[in-house]
Amino acid sequence: PLPVPITDPQQITRLDIRRRERLGGIFHEYQHAV
């Protein structure tokens, strides 16, 4: 489904993004750390 939009400016400044390599680094997957 569509992601929930981030509307709080304070939440945007505290984003913690994690990257995972797929297929030996050809693709990169990003997600918010919980």
Full PDB file with SEQRES, HELIX, SHEET, SSBOND, CRYST1, ORIGX, SCALE, CONECT and MASTER records, all heavy atoms in Angstrom:
SEQRES   1 A   34  PRO LEU PRO VAL PRO ILE THR ASP PRO GLN GLN ILE THR          
SEQRES   2 A   34  ARG LEU ASP ILE ARG ARG ARG GLU ARG LEU GLY GLY ILE          
SEQRES   3 A   34  PHE HIS GLU TYR GLN HIS ALA VAL                              
HELIX    1 AA1 PRO A    9  THR A   13  1                                   5    
HELIX    2 AA2 LEU A   23  GLY A   25  5                                   3    
SHEET    1 AA1 2 ILE A  17  ARG A  22  0                                        
SHEET    2 AA1 2 PHE A  27  HIS A  32 -1                                        
CRYST1    1.000    1.000    1.000  90.00  90.00  90.00 P 1           1          
ORIGX1      1.000000  0.000000  0.000000        0.00000                         
ORIGX2      0.000000  1.000000  0.000000        0.00000                         
ORIGX3      0.000000  0.000000  1.000000        0.00000                         
SCALE1      1.000000  0.000000  0.000000        0.00000                         
SCALE2      0.000000  1.000000  0.000000        0.00000                         
SCALE3      0.000000  0.000000  1.000000        0.00000                         
ATOM      1  N   PRO A   1       0.827  -1.215   0.000  1.00  0.00           N  
ATOM      2  CA  PRO A   1       0.000   0.000   0.000  1.00  0.00           C  
ATOM      3  C   PRO A   1       0.860   1.263   0.000  1.00  0.00           C  
ATOM      4  O   PRO A   1       2.071   1.206   0.229  1.00  0.00           O  
ATOM      5  CB  PRO A   1      -0.794  -0.121   1.299  1.00  0.00           C  
ATOM      6  CG  PRO A   1       0.038  -0.980   2.181  1.00  0.00           C  
ATOM      7  CD  PRO A   1       0.762  -1.942   1.256  1.00  0.00           C  
ATOM      8  N   LEU A   2       0.218   2.390  -0.231  1.00  0.00           N  
ATOM      9  CA  LEU A   2       0.925   3.670  -0.193  1.00  0.00           C  
ATOM     10  C   LEU A   2       1.516   3.907   1.199  1.00  0.00           C  
ATOM     11  O   LEU A   2       0.890   3.572   2.207  1.00  0.00           O  
ATOM     12  CB  LEU A   2      -0.029   4.819  -0.519  1.00  0.00           C  
ATOM     13  CG  LEU A   2      -0.517   4.899  -1.958  1.00  0.00           C  
ATOM     14  CD1 LEU A   2      -1.583   5.976  -2.088  1.00  0.00           C  
ATOM     15  CD2 LEU A   2       0.631   5.186  -2.893  1.00  0.00           C  
ATOM     16  N   PRO A   3       2.710   4.462   1.278  1.00  0.00           N  
ATOM     17  CA  PRO A   3       3.302   4.744   2.595  1.00  0.00           C  
ATOM     18  C   PRO A   3       2.589   5.904   3.278  1.00  0.00           C  
ATOM     19  O   PRO A   3       2.010   6.768   2.620  1.00  0.00           O  
ATOM     20  CB  PRO A   3       4.746   5.118   2.258  1.00  0.00           C  
ATOM     21  CG  PRO A   3       4.700   5.580   0.853  1.00  0.00           C  
ATOM     22  CD  PRO A   3       3.590   4.826   0.178  1.00  0.00           C  
ATOM     23  N   VAL A   4       2.648   5.898   4.599  1.00  0.00           N  
ATOM     24  CA  VAL A   4       2.067   6.995   5.373  1.00  0.00           C  
ATOM     25  C   VAL A   4       2.977   8.208   5.213  1.00  0.00           C  
ATOM     26  O   VAL A   4       4.190   8.114   5.427  1.00  0.00           O  
ATOM     27  CB  VAL A   4       1.958   6.604   6.860  1.00  0.00           C  
ATOM     28  CG1 VAL A   4       1.416   7.758   7.678  1.00  0.00           C  
ATOM     29  CG2 VAL A   4       1.089   5.368   7.006  1.00  0.00           C  
ATOM     30  N   PRO A   5       2.426   9.366   4.804  1.00  0.00           N  
ATOM     31  CA  PRO A   5       3.296  10.536   4.615  1.00  0.00           C  
ATOM     32  C   PRO A   5       3.841  11.067   5.938  1.00  0.00           C  
ATOM     33  O   PRO A   5       3.194  10.969   6.977  1.00  0.00           O  
ATOM     34  CB  PRO A   5       2.374  11.564   3.961  1.00  0.00           C  
ATOM     35  CG  PRO A   5       0.995  11.114   4.235  1.00  0.00           C  
ATOM     36  CD  PRO A   5       1.051   9.626   4.466  1.00  0.00           C  
ATOM     37  N   ILE A   6       5.039  11.601   5.901  1.00  0.00           N  
ATOM     38  CA  ILE A   6       5.650  12.225   7.077  1.00  0.00           C  
ATOM     39  C   ILE A   6       5.347  13.716   7.000  1.00  0.00           C  
ATOM     40  O   ILE A   6       5.785  14.401   6.084  1.00  0.00           O  
ATOM     41  CB  ILE A   6       7.167  11.981   7.100  1.00  0.00           C  
ATOM     42  CG1 ILE A   6       7.459  10.492   7.182  1.00  0.00           C  
ATOM     43  CG2 ILE A   6       7.815  12.722   8.257  1.00  0.00           C  
ATOM     44  CD1 ILE A   6       8.920  10.144   7.046  1.00  0.00           C  
ATOM     45  N   THR A   7       4.594  14.202   7.969  1.00  0.00           N  
ATOM     46  CA  THR A   7       4.196  15.611   7.955  1.00  0.00           C  
ATOM     47  C   THR A   7       4.842  16.430   9.067  1.00  0.00           C  
ATOM     48  O   THR A   7       4.849  17.642   9.011  1.00  0.00           O  
ATOM     49  CB  THR A   7       2.666  15.731   8.073  1.00  0.00           C  
ATOM     50  OG1 THR A   7       2.240  15.068   9.265  1.00  0.00           O  
ATOM     51  CG2 THR A   7       1.982  15.101   6.875  1.00  0.00           C  
ATOM     52  N   ASP A   8       5.382  15.762  10.075  1.00  0.00           N  
ATOM     53  CA  ASP A   8       6.013  16.448  11.199  1.00  0.00           C  
ATOM     54  C   ASP A   8       7.456  16.803  10.832  1.00  0.00           C  
ATOM     55  O   ASP A   8       8.282  15.917  10.612  1.00  0.00           O  
ATOM     56  CB  ASP A   8       5.989  15.546  12.427  1.00  0.00           C  
ATOM     57  CG  ASP A   8       6.665  16.163  13.631  1.00  0.00           C  
ATOM     58  OD1 ASP A   8       6.824  17.404  13.672  1.00  0.00           O  
ATOM     59  OD2 ASP A   8       7.033  15.399  14.544  1.00  0.00           O  
ATOM     60  N   PRO A   9       7.808  18.101  10.772  1.00  0.00           N  
ATOM     61  CA  PRO A   9       9.182  18.484  10.419  1.00  0.00           C  
ATOM     62  C   PRO A   9      10.236  17.910  11.363  1.00  0.00           C  
ATOM     63  O   PRO A   9      11.344  17.593  10.945  1.00  0.00           O  
ATOM     64  CB  PRO A   9       9.167  20.012  10.488  1.00  0.00           C  
ATOM     65  CG  PRO A   9       7.743  20.391  10.371  1.00  0.00           C  
ATOM     66  CD  PRO A   9       6.954  19.257  10.944  1.00  0.00           C  
ATOM     67  N   GLN A  10       9.913  17.732  12.646  1.00  0.00           N  
ATOM     68  CA  GLN A  10      10.868  17.167  13.593  1.00  0.00           C  
ATOM     69  C   GLN A  10      11.174  15.705  13.263  1.00  0.00           C  
ATOM     70  O   GLN A  10      12.284  15.247  13.436  1.00  0.00           O  
ATOM     71  CB  GLN A  10      10.330  17.280  15.021  1.00  0.00           C  
ATOM     72  CG  GLN A  10      10.217  18.696  15.509  1.00  0.00           C  
ATOM     73  CD  GLN A  10      11.576  19.389  15.504  1.00  0.00           C  
ATOM     74  OE1 GLN A  10      12.570  18.806  15.914  1.00  0.00           O  
ATOM     75  NE2 GLN A  10      11.620  20.618  15.032  1.00  0.00           N  
ATOM     76  N   GLN A  11      10.176  14.997  12.793  1.00  0.00           N  
ATOM     77  CA  GLN A  11      10.386  13.596  12.434  1.00  0.00           C  
ATOM     78  C   GLN A  11      11.292  13.486  11.207  1.00  0.00           C  
ATOM     79  O   GLN A  11      12.104  12.570  11.113  1.00  0.00           O  
ATOM     80  CB  GLN A  11       9.042  12.916  12.161  1.00  0.00           C  
ATOM     81  CG  GLN A  11       9.169  11.428  11.926  1.00  0.00           C  
ATOM     82  CD  GLN A  11       7.837  10.772  11.660  1.00  0.00           C  
ATOM     83  OE1 GLN A  11       6.813  11.426  11.551  1.00  0.00           O  
ATOM     84  NE2 GLN A  11       7.852   9.469  11.547  1.00  0.00           N  
ATOM     85  N   ILE A  12      11.195  14.406  10.284  1.00  0.00           N  
ATOM     86  CA  ILE A  12      12.022  14.379   9.083  1.00  0.00           C  
ATOM     87  C   ILE A  12      13.498  14.557   9.442  1.00  0.00           C  
ATOM     88  O   ILE A  12      14.367  13.917   8.872  1.00  0.00           O  
ATOM     89  CB  ILE A  12      11.556  15.448   8.078  1.00  0.00           C  
ATOM     90  CG1 ILE A  12      10.179  15.058   7.537  1.00  0.00           C  
ATOM     91  CG2 ILE A  12      12.547  15.605   6.936  1.00  0.00           C  
ATOM     92  CD1 ILE A  12       9.543  16.108   6.661  1.00  0.00           C  
ATOM     93  N   THR A  13      13.795  15.389  10.414  1.00  0.00           N  
ATOM     94  CA  THR A  13      15.189  15.615  10.794  1.00  0.00           C  
ATOM     95  C   THR A  13      15.785  14.439  11.556  1.00  0.00           C  
ATOM     96  O   THR A  13      16.994  14.338  11.683  1.00  0.00           O  
ATOM     97  CB  THR A  13      15.337  16.887  11.644  1.00  0.00           C  
ATOM     98  OG1 THR A  13      14.569  16.744  12.833  1.00  0.00           O  
ATOM     99  CG2 THR A  13      14.902  18.113  10.869  1.00  0.00           C  
ATOM    100  N   ARG A  14      14.933  13.525  12.066  1.00  0.00           N  
ATOM    101  CA  ARG A  14      15.417  12.378  12.835  1.00  0.00           C  
ATOM    102  C   ARG A  14      15.328  11.063  12.057  1.00  0.00           C  
ATOM    103  O   ARG A  14      15.314   9.996  12.647  1.00  0.00           O  
ATOM    104  CB  ARG A  14      14.604  12.240  14.122  1.00  0.00           C  
ATOM    105  CG  ARG A  14      14.778  13.379  15.090  1.00  0.00           C  
ATOM    106  CD  ARG A  14      14.051  13.082  16.399  1.00  0.00           C  
ATOM    107  NE  ARG A  14      12.704  12.583  16.219  1.00  0.00           N  
ATOM    108  CZ  ARG A  14      11.597  13.333  16.245  1.00  0.00           C  
ATOM    109  NH1 ARG A  14      11.684  14.622  16.430  1.00  0.00           N  
ATOM    110  NH2 ARG A  14      10.416  12.783  16.095  1.00  0.00           N  
ATOM    111  N   LEU A  15      15.280  11.112  10.752  1.00  0.00           N  
ATOM    112  CA  LEU A  15      15.176   9.886   9.969  1.00  0.00           C  
ATOM    113  C   LEU A  15      16.451   9.060  10.094  1.00  0.00           C  
ATOM    114  O   LEU A  15      17.551   9.579  10.041  1.00  0.00           O  
ATOM    115  CB  LEU A  15      14.928  10.213   8.490  1.00  0.00           C  
ATOM    116  CG  LEU A  15      13.576  10.810   8.148  1.00  0.00           C  
ATOM    117  CD1 LEU A  15      13.507  11.085   6.659  1.00  0.00           C  
ATOM    118  CD2 LEU A  15      12.448   9.889   8.570  1.00  0.00           C  
ATOM    119  N   ASP A  16      16.283   7.775  10.285  1.00  0.00           N  
ATOM    120  CA  ASP A  16      17.403   6.845  10.355  1.00  0.00           C  
ATOM    121  C   ASP A  16      17.196   5.825   9.241  1.00  0.00           C  
ATOM    122  O   ASP A  16      16.333   4.963   9.330  1.00  0.00           O  
ATOM    123  CB  ASP A  16      17.436   6.162  11.723  1.00  0.00           C  
ATOM    124  CG  ASP A  16      18.668   5.290  11.896  1.00  0.00           C  
ATOM    125  OD1 ASP A  16      19.600   5.379  11.063  1.00  0.00           O  
ATOM    126  OD2 ASP A  16      18.690   4.511  12.860  1.00  0.00           O  
ATOM    127  N   ILE A  17      17.950   5.956   8.181  1.00  0.00           N  
ATOM    128  CA  ILE A  17      17.786   5.126   7.001  1.00  0.00           C  
ATOM    129  C   ILE A  17      18.851   4.024   7.003  1.00  0.00           C  
ATOM    130  O   ILE A  17      20.024   4.288   7.257  1.00  0.00           O  
ATOM    131  CB  ILE A  17      17.914   5.958   5.704  1.00  0.00           C  
ATOM    132  CG1 ILE A  17      16.949   7.151   5.737  1.00  0.00           C  
ATOM    133  CG2 ILE A  17      17.698   5.097   4.479  1.00  0.00           C  
ATOM    134  CD1 ILE A  17      15.496   6.784   5.758  1.00  0.00           C  
ATOM    135  N   ARG A  18      18.427   2.796   6.721  1.00  0.00           N  
ATOM    136  CA  ARG A  18      19.340   1.665   6.626  1.00  0.00           C  
ATOM    137  C   ARG A  18      19.385   1.178   5.182  1.00  0.00           C  
ATOM    138  O   ARG A  18      18.362   1.133   4.513  1.00  0.00           O  
ATOM    139  CB  ARG A  18      18.886   0.512   7.521  1.00  0.00           C  
ATOM    140  CG  ARG A  18      18.773   0.888   8.976  1.00  0.00           C  
ATOM    141  CD  ARG A  18      20.163   1.161   9.567  1.00  0.00           C  
ATOM    142  NE  ARG A  18      20.085   1.838  10.835  1.00  0.00           N  
ATOM    143  CZ  ARG A  18      20.113   1.237  12.002  1.00  0.00           C  
ATOM    144  NH1 ARG A  18      20.194  -0.063  12.079  1.00  0.00           N  
ATOM    145  NH2 ARG A  18      20.052   1.943  13.101  1.00  0.00           N  
ATOM    146  N   ARG A  19      20.577   0.814   4.717  1.00  0.00           N  
ATOM    147  CA  ARG A  19      20.755   0.313   3.356  1.00  0.00           C  
ATOM    148  C   ARG A  19      21.151  -1.156   3.395  1.00  0.00           C  
ATOM    149  O   ARG A  19      21.982  -1.559   4.197  1.00  0.00           O  
ATOM    150  CB  ARG A  19      21.830   1.097   2.625  1.00  0.00           C  
ATOM    151  CG  ARG A  19      21.979   0.657   1.170  1.00  0.00           C  
ATOM    152  CD  ARG A  19      23.007   1.467   0.481  1.00  0.00           C  
ATOM    153  NE  ARG A  19      24.287   0.766   0.591  1.00  0.00           N  
ATOM    154  CZ  ARG A  19      25.367   1.121  -0.069  1.00  0.00           C  
ATOM    155  NH1 ARG A  19      25.358   2.164  -0.850  1.00  0.00           N  
ATOM    156  NH2 ARG A  19      26.482   0.439   0.074  1.00  0.00           N  
ATOM    157  N   ARG A  20      20.555  -1.940   2.518  1.00  0.00           N  
ATOM    158  CA  ARG A  20      20.886  -3.355   2.384  1.00  0.00           C  
ATOM    159  C   ARG A  20      21.217  -3.626   0.924  1.00  0.00           C  
ATOM    160  O   ARG A  20      20.463  -3.242   0.032  1.00  0.00           O  
ATOM    161  CB  ARG A  20      19.699  -4.207   2.805  1.00  0.00           C  
ATOM    162  CG  ARG A  20      19.912  -5.684   2.633  1.00  0.00           C  
ATOM    163  CD  ARG A  20      18.691  -6.463   3.093  1.00  0.00           C  
ATOM    164  NE  ARG A  20      18.759  -7.783   2.517  1.00  0.00           N  
ATOM    165  CZ  ARG A  20      17.721  -8.487   2.149  1.00  0.00           C  
ATOM    166  NH1 ARG A  20      16.509  -7.998   2.305  1.00  0.00           N  
ATOM    167  NH2 ARG A  20      17.868  -9.681   1.632  1.00  0.00           N  
ATOM    168  N   GLU A  21      22.351  -4.250   0.692  1.00  0.00           N  
ATOM    169  CA  GLU A  21      22.739  -4.567  -0.671  1.00  0.00           C  
ATOM    170  C   GLU A  21      22.056  -5.856  -1.107  1.00  0.00           C  
ATOM    171  O   GLU A  21      21.934  -6.796  -0.325  1.00  0.00           O  
ATOM    172  CB  GLU A  21      24.247  -4.719  -0.789  1.00  0.00           C  
ATOM    173  CG  GLU A  21      24.966  -3.404  -0.607  1.00  0.00           C  
ATOM    174  CD  GLU A  21      26.447  -3.518  -0.882  1.00  0.00           C  
ATOM    175  OE1 GLU A  21      26.961  -4.639  -1.078  1.00  0.00           O  
ATOM    176  OE2 GLU A  21      27.093  -2.470  -0.907  1.00  0.00           O  
ATOM    177  N   ARG A  22      21.594  -5.880  -2.340  1.00  0.00           N  
ATOM    178  CA  ARG A  22      20.973  -7.065  -2.925  1.00  0.00           C  
ATOM    179  C   ARG A  22      21.766  -7.474  -4.146  1.00  0.00           C  
ATOM    180  O   ARG A  22      22.286  -6.629  -4.860  1.00  0.00           O  
ATOM    181  CB  ARG A  22      19.530  -6.769  -3.354  1.00  0.00           C  
ATOM    182  CG  ARG A  22      18.597  -6.243  -2.288  1.00  0.00           C  
ATOM    183  CD  ARG A  22      18.085  -7.301  -1.343  1.00  0.00           C  
ATOM    184  NE  ARG A  22      17.341  -8.340  -1.978  1.00  0.00           N  
ATOM    185  CZ  ARG A  22      16.016  -8.448  -1.975  1.00  0.00           C  
ATOM    186  NH1 ARG A  22      15.306  -7.538  -1.366  1.00  0.00           N  
ATOM    187  NH2 ARG A  22      15.435  -9.457  -2.558  1.00  0.00           N  
ATOM    188  N   LEU A  23      21.846  -8.734  -4.397  1.00  0.00           N  
ATOM    189  CA  LEU A  23      22.498  -9.306  -5.569  1.00  0.00           C  
ATOM    190  C   LEU A  23      23.932  -8.804  -5.704  1.00  0.00           C  
ATOM    191  O   LEU A  23      24.350  -8.301  -6.732  1.00  0.00           O  
ATOM    192  CB  LEU A  23      21.679  -9.027  -6.829  1.00  0.00           C  
ATOM    193  CG  LEU A  23      21.945  -9.936  -8.024  1.00  0.00           C  
ATOM    194  CD1 LEU A  23      21.743 -11.388  -7.656  1.00  0.00           C  
ATOM    195  CD2 LEU A  23      21.076  -9.561  -9.187  1.00  0.00           C  
ATOM    196  N   GLY A  24      24.670  -8.911  -4.606  1.00  0.00           N  
ATOM    197  CA  GLY A  24      26.076  -8.545  -4.632  1.00  0.00           C  
ATOM    198  C   GLY A  24      26.343  -7.060  -4.789  1.00  0.00           C  
ATOM    199  O   GLY A  24      27.403  -6.665  -5.250  1.00  0.00           O  
ATOM    200  N   GLY A  25      25.393  -6.221  -4.412  1.00  0.00           N  
ATOM    201  CA  GLY A  25      25.592  -4.778  -4.491  1.00  0.00           C  
ATOM    202  C   GLY A  25      25.072  -4.134  -5.762  1.00  0.00           C  
ATOM    203  O   GLY A  25      25.211  -2.930  -5.946  1.00  0.00           O  
ATOM    204  N   ILE A  26      24.456  -4.921  -6.647  1.00  0.00           N  
ATOM    205  CA  ILE A  26      23.895  -4.340  -7.873  1.00  0.00           C  
ATOM    206  C   ILE A  26      22.668  -3.500  -7.543  1.00  0.00           C  
ATOM    207  O   ILE A  26      22.452  -2.441  -8.108  1.00  0.00           O  
ATOM    208  CB  ILE A  26      23.546  -5.449  -8.893  1.00  0.00           C  
ATOM    209  CG1 ILE A  26      24.831  -6.125  -9.360  1.00  0.00           C  
ATOM    210  CG2 ILE A  26      22.772  -4.883 -10.072  1.00  0.00           C  
ATOM    211  CD1 ILE A  26      24.612  -7.311 -10.266  1.00  0.00           C  
ATOM    212  N   PHE A  27      21.853  -3.973  -6.586  1.00  0.00           N  
ATOM    213  CA  PHE A  27      20.676  -3.244  -6.152  1.00  0.00           C  
ATOM    214  C   PHE A  27      20.882  -2.846  -4.705  1.00  0.00           C  
ATOM    215  O   PHE A  27      21.543  -3.540  -3.940  1.00  0.00           O  
ATOM    216  CB  PHE A  27      19.415  -4.124  -6.243  1.00  0.00           C  
ATOM    217  CG  PHE A  27      19.187  -4.719  -7.582  1.00  0.00           C  
ATOM    218  CD1 PHE A  27      19.230  -6.076  -7.773  1.00  0.00           C  
ATOM    219  CD2 PHE A  27      18.939  -3.909  -8.678  1.00  0.00           C  
ATOM    220  CE1 PHE A  27      19.004  -6.639  -9.018  1.00  0.00           C  
ATOM    221  CE2 PHE A  27      18.733  -4.467  -9.921  1.00  0.00           C  
ATOM    222  CZ  PHE A  27      18.754  -5.826 -10.092  1.00  0.00           C  
ATOM    223  N   HIS A  28      20.281  -1.738  -4.313  1.00  0.00           N  
ATOM    224  CA  HIS A  28      20.325  -1.274  -2.928  1.00  0.00           C  
ATOM    225  C   HIS A  28      18.904  -1.078  -2.444  1.00  0.00           C  
ATOM    226  O   HIS A  28      18.091  -0.473  -3.123  1.00  0.00           O  
ATOM    227  CB  HIS A  28      21.103   0.028  -2.816  1.00  0.00           C  
ATOM    228  CG  HIS A  28      22.505  -0.080  -3.315  1.00  0.00           C  
ATOM    229  ND1 HIS A  28      23.506  -0.720  -2.616  1.00  0.00           N  
ATOM    230  CD2 HIS A  28      23.071   0.339  -4.474  1.00  0.00           C  
ATOM    231  CE1 HIS A  28      24.613  -0.682  -3.302  1.00  0.00           C  
ATOM    232  NE2 HIS A  28      24.387  -0.047  -4.445  1.00  0.00           N  
ATOM    233  N   GLU A  29      18.638  -1.584  -1.258  1.00  0.00           N  
ATOM    234  CA  GLU A  29      17.314  -1.493  -0.653  1.00  0.00           C  
ATOM    235  C   GLU A  29      17.433  -0.561   0.549  1.00  0.00           C  
ATOM    236  O   GLU A  29      18.321  -0.736   1.371  1.00  0.00           O  
ATOM    237  CB  GLU A  29      16.915  -2.901  -0.245  1.00  0.00           C  
ATOM    238  CG  GLU A  29      15.663  -3.016   0.537  1.00  0.00           C  
ATOM    239  CD  GLU A  29      15.445  -4.473   0.925  1.00  0.00           C  
ATOM    240  OE1 GLU A  29      15.678  -5.367   0.094  1.00  0.00           O  
ATOM    241  OE2 GLU A  29      15.074  -4.698   2.080  1.00  0.00           O  
ATOM    242  N   TYR A  30      16.576   0.427   0.649  1.00  0.00           N  
ATOM    243  CA  TYR A  30      16.621   1.390   1.750  1.00  0.00           C  
ATOM    244  C   TYR A  30      15.333   1.290   2.539  1.00  0.00           C  
ATOM    245  O   TYR A  30      14.255   1.122   1.970  1.00  0.00           O  
ATOM    246  CB  TYR A  30      16.768   2.817   1.208  1.00  0.00           C  
ATOM    247  CG  TYR A  30      18.043   3.031   0.433  1.00  0.00           C  
ATOM    248  CD1 TYR A  30      18.094   2.814  -0.936  1.00  0.00           C  
ATOM    249  CD2 TYR A  30      19.193   3.440   1.087  1.00  0.00           C  
ATOM    250  CE1 TYR A  30      19.259   3.007  -1.642  1.00  0.00           C  
ATOM    251  CE2 TYR A  30      20.374   3.640   0.382  1.00  0.00           C  
ATOM    252  CZ  TYR A  30      20.393   3.418  -0.984  1.00  0.00           C  
ATOM    253  OH  TYR A  30      21.552   3.602  -1.669  1.00  0.00           O  
ATOM    254  N   GLN A  31      15.450   1.414   3.865  1.00  0.00           N  
ATOM    255  CA  GLN A  31      14.246   1.442   4.690  1.00  0.00           C  
ATOM    256  C   GLN A  31      14.537   2.220   5.966  1.00  0.00           C  
ATOM    257  O   GLN A  31      15.675   2.383   6.366  1.00  0.00           O  
ATOM    258  CB  GLN A  31      13.759   0.039   5.014  1.00  0.00           C  
ATOM    259  CG  GLN A  31      14.712  -0.782   5.848  1.00  0.00           C  
ATOM    260  CD  GLN A  31      14.220  -2.205   6.003  1.00  0.00           C  
ATOM    261  OE1 GLN A  31      13.665  -2.779   5.085  1.00  0.00           O  
ATOM    262  NE2 GLN A  31      14.444  -2.770   7.157  1.00  0.00           N  
ATOM    263  N   HIS A  32      13.455   2.681   6.583  1.00  0.00           N  
ATOM    264  CA  HIS A  32      13.569   3.388   7.855  1.00  0.00           C  
ATOM    265  C   HIS A  32      13.906   2.386   8.942  1.00  0.00           C  
ATOM    266  O   HIS A  32      13.306   1.322   9.015  1.00  0.00           O  
ATOM    267  CB  HIS A  32      12.273   4.101   8.218  1.00  0.00           C  
ATOM    268  CG  HIS A  32      11.919   5.197   7.288  1.00  0.00           C  
ATOM    269  ND1 HIS A  32      12.523   6.434   7.345  1.00  0.00           N  
ATOM    270  CD2 HIS A  32      11.057   5.266   6.272  1.00  0.00           C  
ATOM    271  CE1 HIS A  32      12.027   7.208   6.413  1.00  0.00           C  
ATOM    272  NE2 HIS A  32      11.141   6.518   5.740  1.00  0.00           N  
ATOM    273  N   ALA A  33      14.869   2.698   9.777  1.00  0.00           N  
ATOM    274  CA  ALA A  33      15.189   1.848  10.929  1.00  0.00           C  
ATOM    275  C   ALA A  33      14.107   2.072  11.974  1.00  0.00           C  
ATOM    276  O   ALA A  33      13.657   3.186  12.205  1.00  0.00           O  
ATOM    277  CB  ALA A  33      16.549   2.199  11.485  1.00  0.00           C  
ATOM    278  N   VAL A  34      13.689   1.011  12.614  1.00  0.00           N  
ATOM    279  CA  VAL A  34      12.621   1.116  13.599  1.00  0.00           C  
ATOM    280  C   VAL A  34      13.193   1.150  14.983  1.00  0.00           C  
ATOM    281  O   VAL A  34      14.204   0.669  15.300  1.00  0.00           O  
ATOM    282  CB  VAL A  34      11.633  -0.073  13.476  1.00  0.00           C  
ATOM    283  CG1 VAL A  34      10.524   0.060  14.465  1.00  0.00           C  
ATOM    284  CG2 VAL A  34      11.103  -0.138  12.067  1.00  0.00           C  
TER     285      VAL A  34                                                      
MASTER        0    0    0    2    2    0    0    6  284    1    0    3          
END                                                                             
